[in-house]
Amino acid sequence: MNEMKKVLTIAGSDCSGGAGIQADIKTITAHKMYAMSAITALTAQNTTGVYGILDAGVDFVGRQLDCIFQDIYPDAVKIGMVANKEIIEMIAHKLVEYKAKNIVADPVMVSTAGSRLMEEDAANTLIEKLLPLATVITPNLAEAEVLCGFAIKTKEDCIKAAQTISQKIPTAILIKGGHLEDTADDLLWDHGEIHWFEGKRIDNPNTHGTGCTLSSAIASNLAAGHDLVTSIKNAKDYITGALKANLDLGKGSGPLNHMYNL
C-alpha cells in the first residue's frame, strides 16, 4: 500500500455528486489511487442546473495546498473550476513553489450550453498564469473557441484552433470534439505533433460531469507513469465504460457510473 499513487484535484464541490470534486475523487479511486482535494468553491447544483456558487477564500485555498504538498506529495494534479482571479494566482504560485508535476487543467470557462462561467479578468489570468503550467489542457469546443477566438466546426478547424492556442499557451492541448459537425473525434496537439482519438457517440443523455471525469482519469494515468497519448486513450476507454453503464439518476442530465468496473 505504500506504493499507492496519489492524485490531487483542485476544483469546486458538486453537492449532487456528479461533477467537480466528487466526480474526481470517484474517478481517482476507481483507478486504485489515493485522492486528495483542495476545494475552490462550493456549489448548489444538481442534474438540472447550478443554483448557487460560494467561492472559497483565497488564503484558505493556499492553506489547503500547503497542507497537501508538505505532507502527501501528489504524483499528478487535476485542476477544474477556479472561480476568480485571486484564486487562480494563488494556485499558480503554489504549483510553482512545490514544483508540481503531471498537471491536467480542465479550463472550465464555458458551460456545455454556451454560458460564460468566468469573468474576463479571471479568464485572462487563467490563460496567462495557470494554463501554461499544465502538462495538458482539456478544453471542450466552446472553451477552445474562447481560447482561439473563432468558431470550430470541423477537424480542420480543430487543428487550426490548437495551433492558435499553442502560441499563447505552450503546452499540450486536447480539444474534445464531441460536438463537431463531421465527427466526435478528439484532437491532441502535443507541441506540433497531432494525434486523433476516435470519438464514440454513446446513446446516453446522462453526461453530467464527463469533463471532470475525463481530466481526472488522464491525471490518474499520468500518475501511473503512462505517456500522454496512452493516458488519454485509457481515460477515454474508462469514460466510455462509465457512460455505457447507463446509470439513470435525477430529473436532468444525470451522472456517470464512475464505479462501473468494480
Protein backbone atom coordinates (compact mmCIF):
# COMPACT_ATOMS: atom_id res chain seq x y z
CA MET A 1 0.00 0.00 0.00
CA ASN A 2 2.96 2.34 0.49
CA GLU A 3 3.37 2.32 -3.30
CA MET A 4 -0.13 3.72 -3.90
CA LYS A 5 -0.09 6.69 -6.30
CA LYS A 6 -1.57 9.97 -5.10
CA VAL A 7 -3.65 12.39 -7.19
CA LEU A 8 -4.75 15.88 -6.14
CA THR A 9 -7.84 17.55 -7.55
CA ILE A 10 -8.19 21.33 -7.27
CA ALA A 11 -11.79 22.18 -8.14
CA GLY A 12 -15.26 23.10 -6.95
CA SER A 13 -17.60 20.86 -4.99
CA ASP A 14 -20.77 19.45 -6.58
CA CYS A 15 -23.22 18.69 -3.77
CA SER A 16 -25.15 16.29 -6.03
CA GLY A 17 -22.02 14.19 -6.57
CA GLY A 18 -21.89 14.06 -10.36
CA ALA A 19 -19.17 16.56 -11.22
CA GLY A 20 -16.36 18.55 -9.62
CA ILE A 21 -14.50 17.29 -6.57
CA GLN A 22 -16.89 14.38 -6.04
CA ALA A 23 -16.55 13.06 -9.61
CA ASP A 24 -12.78 13.50 -9.40
CA ILE A 25 -12.44 11.54 -6.14
CA LYS A 26 -14.60 8.71 -7.51
CA THR A 27 -12.55 8.58 -10.72
CA ILE A 28 -9.21 8.57 -8.92
CA THR A 29 -10.45 5.88 -6.52
CA ALA A 30 -11.72 3.77 -9.45
CA HIS A 31 -8.12 3.88 -10.73
CA LYS A 32 -6.99 2.43 -7.37
CA MET A 33 -5.21 5.61 -6.35
CA TYR A 34 -5.31 7.88 -3.31
CA ALA A 35 -7.42 11.01 -3.90
CA MET A 36 -6.83 14.39 -2.27
CA SER A 37 -8.73 17.65 -2.84
CA ALA A 38 -8.36 21.38 -2.50
CA ILE A 39 -11.80 22.95 -2.78
CA THR A 40 -12.01 26.28 -4.62
CA ALA A 41 -15.77 26.79 -4.36
CA LEU A 42 -18.96 25.26 -3.02
CA THR A 43 -21.82 24.92 -5.48
CA ALA A 44 -25.51 24.29 -5.01
CA GLN A 45 -26.29 22.19 -8.08
CA ASN A 46 -27.90 19.03 -9.33
CA THR A 47 -28.68 17.34 -12.64
CA THR A 48 -30.97 20.23 -13.66
CA GLY A 49 -28.54 23.13 -13.19
CA VAL A 50 -26.36 25.29 -10.94
CA TYR A 51 -28.29 27.31 -8.35
CA GLY A 52 -25.54 28.93 -6.31
CA ILE A 53 -21.76 29.33 -6.01
CA LEU A 54 -19.80 30.25 -2.89
CA ASP A 55 -16.09 30.89 -3.52
CA ALA A 56 -13.53 29.68 -1.00
CA GLY A 57 -11.25 32.34 0.47
CA VAL A 58 -8.01 32.72 -1.46
CA ASP A 59 -5.83 32.27 1.66
CA PHE A 60 -7.77 29.15 2.60
CA VAL A 61 -7.17 27.66 -0.86
CA GLY A 62 -3.46 28.33 -0.37
CA ARG A 63 -3.55 26.74 3.09
CA GLN A 64 -5.18 23.59 1.68
CA LEU A 65 -2.44 23.30 -0.94
CA ASP A 66 0.30 23.81 1.66
CA CYS A 67 -1.16 21.02 3.80
CA ILE A 68 -1.28 18.63 0.86
CA PHE A 69 2.11 19.30 -0.75
CA GLN A 70 4.01 19.45 2.55
CA ASP A 71 2.70 16.11 3.75
CA ILE A 72 1.45 13.78 0.96
CA TYR A 73 3.09 14.93 -2.27
CA PRO A 74 0.84 14.18 -5.29
CA ASP A 75 2.01 12.21 -8.32
CA ALA A 76 -0.41 14.18 -10.51
CA VAL A 77 -2.69 17.20 -10.22
CA LYS A 78 -6.06 17.84 -11.87
CA ILE A 79 -7.38 21.42 -11.98
CA GLY A 80 -11.06 22.09 -12.60
CA MET A 81 -13.31 25.00 -11.60
CA VAL A 82 -11.28 28.01 -10.39
CA ALA A 83 -13.71 30.82 -9.80
CA ASN A 84 -11.77 34.09 -9.65
CA LYS A 85 -8.51 35.83 -10.49
CA GLU A 86 -7.09 35.77 -6.95
CA ILE A 87 -7.62 32.02 -6.50
CA ILE A 88 -6.06 31.35 -9.92
CA GLU A 89 -2.99 33.37 -8.96
CA MET A 90 -2.71 31.52 -5.63
CA ILE A 91 -2.92 28.09 -7.29
CA ALA A 92 -0.32 29.04 -9.90
CA HIS A 93 2.01 30.33 -7.17
CA LYS A 94 1.71 27.12 -5.12
CA LEU A 95 2.17 24.80 -8.13
CA VAL A 96 5.42 26.60 -8.97
CA GLU A 97 6.53 26.73 -5.32
CA TYR A 98 6.11 22.98 -4.85
CA LYS A 99 7.27 22.01 -8.36
CA ALA A 100 4.04 20.12 -9.08
CA LYS A 101 4.17 17.56 -11.89
CA ASN A 102 1.73 15.85 -14.26
CA ILE A 103 -0.77 18.71 -14.23
CA VAL A 104 -4.03 18.29 -16.16
CA ALA A 105 -6.03 21.52 -16.43
CA ASP A 106 -9.67 21.48 -17.49
CA PRO A 107 -10.38 25.15 -18.34
CA VAL A 108 -13.95 25.39 -17.02
CA MET A 109 -14.81 28.69 -18.73
CA VAL A 110 -17.98 27.94 -20.68
CA SER A 111 -20.85 25.57 -19.96
CA THR A 112 -21.94 22.93 -22.48
CA ALA A 113 -24.91 25.20 -23.24
CA GLY A 114 -22.51 28.04 -24.09
CA SER A 115 -22.84 30.22 -20.96
CA ARG A 116 -19.73 32.01 -19.74
CA LEU A 117 -18.78 30.73 -16.27
CA MET A 118 -15.84 33.07 -15.63
CA GLU A 119 -15.30 36.83 -15.61
CA GLU A 120 -13.00 38.16 -18.32
CA ASP A 121 -10.19 39.23 -15.96
CA ALA A 122 -10.20 35.76 -14.39
CA ALA A 123 -10.13 34.13 -17.83
CA ASN A 124 -7.12 36.25 -18.81
CA THR A 125 -5.28 35.28 -15.60
CA LEU A 126 -6.12 31.62 -16.22
CA ILE A 127 -4.66 31.84 -19.73
CA GLU A 128 -1.57 33.82 -18.75
CA LYS A 129 -0.57 32.26 -15.41
CA LEU A 130 -2.17 28.88 -14.75
CA LEU A 131 -2.77 27.01 -18.01
CA PRO A 132 0.89 27.33 -19.18
CA LEU A 133 1.94 25.30 -16.11
CA ALA A 134 -0.09 22.28 -17.26
CA THR A 135 1.17 19.13 -18.91
CA VAL A 136 -2.06 19.16 -20.94
CA ILE A 137 -5.21 21.29 -21.05
CA THR A 138 -8.58 19.74 -21.96
CA PRO A 139 -10.98 22.37 -23.37
CA ASN A 140 -14.35 21.42 -24.83
CA LEU A 141 -15.27 23.02 -28.16
CA ALA A 142 -16.88 26.08 -26.57
CA GLU A 143 -13.82 26.68 -24.37
CA ALA A 144 -11.44 26.11 -27.28
CA GLU A 145 -13.41 28.73 -29.25
CA VAL A 146 -12.90 31.23 -26.42
CA LEU A 147 -9.18 30.43 -26.34
CA CYS A 148 -8.63 30.65 -30.12
CA GLY A 149 -11.17 33.36 -30.98
CA PHE A 150 -13.07 31.66 -33.82
CA ALA A 151 -15.75 29.01 -34.40
CA ILE A 152 -14.75 25.33 -34.53
CA LYS A 153 -16.95 23.15 -36.73
CA THR A 154 -14.65 20.59 -38.39
CA LYS A 155 -11.49 18.58 -37.75
CA GLU A 156 -9.54 21.10 -39.82
CA ASP A 157 -10.86 23.86 -37.53
CA CYS A 158 -9.63 21.85 -34.52
CA ILE A 159 -6.10 21.73 -35.88
CA LYS A 160 -6.13 25.45 -36.65
CA ALA A 161 -7.52 26.21 -33.18
CA ALA A 162 -4.90 24.10 -31.41
CA GLN A 163 -2.16 25.80 -33.41
CA THR A 164 -3.51 29.22 -32.43
CA ILE A 165 -3.97 28.32 -28.75
CA SER A 166 -0.45 26.86 -28.53
CA GLN A 167 1.02 30.24 -29.44
CA LYS A 168 -0.17 31.70 -26.12
CA ILE A 169 -0.40 28.50 -24.04
CA PRO A 170 2.73 26.47 -24.90
CA THR A 171 1.53 23.12 -23.60
CA ALA A 172 -0.20 20.01 -24.96
CA ILE A 173 -3.84 20.68 -25.89
CA LEU A 174 -6.65 18.11 -26.02
CA ILE A 175 -9.67 19.57 -27.81
CA LYS A 176 -12.73 17.47 -27.04
CA GLY A 177 -14.65 17.18 -30.30
CA GLY A 178 -17.86 15.60 -29.11
CA HIS A 179 -20.00 18.26 -30.80
CA LEU A 180 -18.15 18.63 -34.11
CA GLU A 181 -20.33 18.59 -37.24
CA ASP A 182 -18.49 15.79 -39.05
CA THR A 183 -17.17 13.60 -36.21
CA ALA A 184 -16.88 13.15 -32.44
CA ASP A 185 -13.10 12.67 -32.50
CA ASP A 186 -10.76 14.40 -30.03
CA LEU A 187 -7.55 16.15 -31.11
CA LEU A 188 -4.34 16.12 -29.12
CA TRP A 189 -1.88 18.80 -30.21
CA ASP A 190 1.40 17.96 -28.49
CA HIS A 191 3.90 20.69 -29.37
CA GLY A 192 3.23 20.34 -33.09
CA GLU A 193 2.51 16.61 -33.12
CA ILE A 194 -1.08 15.67 -33.95
CA HIS A 195 -2.91 12.65 -32.53
CA TRP A 196 -6.57 11.88 -33.19
CA PHE A 197 -8.67 9.79 -30.79
CA GLU A 198 -11.79 8.21 -32.19
CA GLY A 199 -14.93 9.51 -30.53
CA LYS A 200 -17.73 7.03 -29.99
CA ARG A 201 -21.18 8.61 -29.78
CA ILE A 202 -22.95 6.75 -26.98
CA ASP A 203 -26.73 6.87 -26.72
CA ASN A 204 -26.88 8.15 -23.16
CA PRO A 205 -28.30 11.59 -22.26
CA ASN A 206 -26.75 11.40 -18.79
CA THR A 207 -23.40 13.12 -19.24
CA HIS A 208 -23.16 15.31 -16.14
CA GLY A 209 -19.50 15.54 -15.09
CA THR A 210 -17.91 13.95 -18.17
CA GLY A 211 -15.30 16.73 -18.50
CA CYS A 212 -14.28 16.46 -14.85
CA THR A 213 -14.14 12.69 -15.10
CA LEU A 214 -12.00 12.64 -18.25
CA SER A 215 -9.41 15.07 -16.89
CA SER A 216 -9.18 13.16 -13.60
CA ALA A 217 -8.75 9.88 -15.48
CA ILE A 218 -5.94 11.40 -17.56
CA ALA A 219 -4.23 12.65 -14.38
CA SER A 220 -4.56 9.20 -12.82
CA ASN A 221 -2.94 7.58 -15.85
CA LEU A 222 -0.10 10.12 -15.83
CA ALA A 223 0.40 9.35 -12.13
CA ALA A 224 0.70 5.68 -13.05
CA GLY A 225 3.62 6.56 -15.33
CA HIS A 226 1.92 6.31 -18.73
CA ASP A 227 2.85 8.71 -21.52
CA LEU A 228 0.32 11.35 -22.53
CA VAL A 229 -1.12 9.56 -25.58
CA THR A 230 -1.61 6.33 -23.62
CA SER A 231 -3.08 8.26 -20.68
CA ILE A 232 -5.69 9.90 -22.91
CA LYS A 233 -6.56 6.63 -24.65
CA ASN A 234 -7.00 4.84 -21.32
CA ALA A 235 -9.05 7.73 -19.92
CA LYS A 236 -11.36 7.71 -22.93
CA ASP A 237 -11.85 3.95 -22.56
CA TYR A 238 -12.74 4.47 -18.89
CA ILE A 239 -15.28 7.21 -19.59
CA THR A 240 -16.82 5.16 -22.41
CA GLY A 241 -17.40 2.34 -19.93
CA ALA A 242 -18.86 4.75 -17.37
CA LEU A 243 -21.32 6.07 -19.99
CA LYS A 244 -22.24 2.62 -21.31
CA ALA A 245 -23.22 1.57 -17.77
CA ASN A 246 -26.36 3.71 -18.33
CA LEU A 247 -26.81 4.96 -14.79
CA ASP A 248 -30.04 6.99 -14.67
CA LEU A 249 -30.34 9.32 -11.67
CA GLY A 250 -32.02 12.71 -11.29
CA LYS A 251 -34.50 14.73 -13.32
CA GLY A 252 -31.98 16.27 -15.74
CA SER A 253 -28.68 15.20 -17.30
CA GLY A 254 -27.60 12.62 -14.76
CA PRO A 255 -24.15 11.49 -13.57
CA LEU A 256 -21.94 8.68 -14.81
CA ASN A 257 -21.37 5.38 -13.04
CA HIS A 258 -17.76 6.01 -12.01
CA MET A 259 -17.52 2.61 -10.33
CA TYR A 260 -18.84 0.55 -13.26
CA ASN A 261 -15.68 -1.57 -13.31
CA LEU A 262 -15.80 -2.65 -9.66
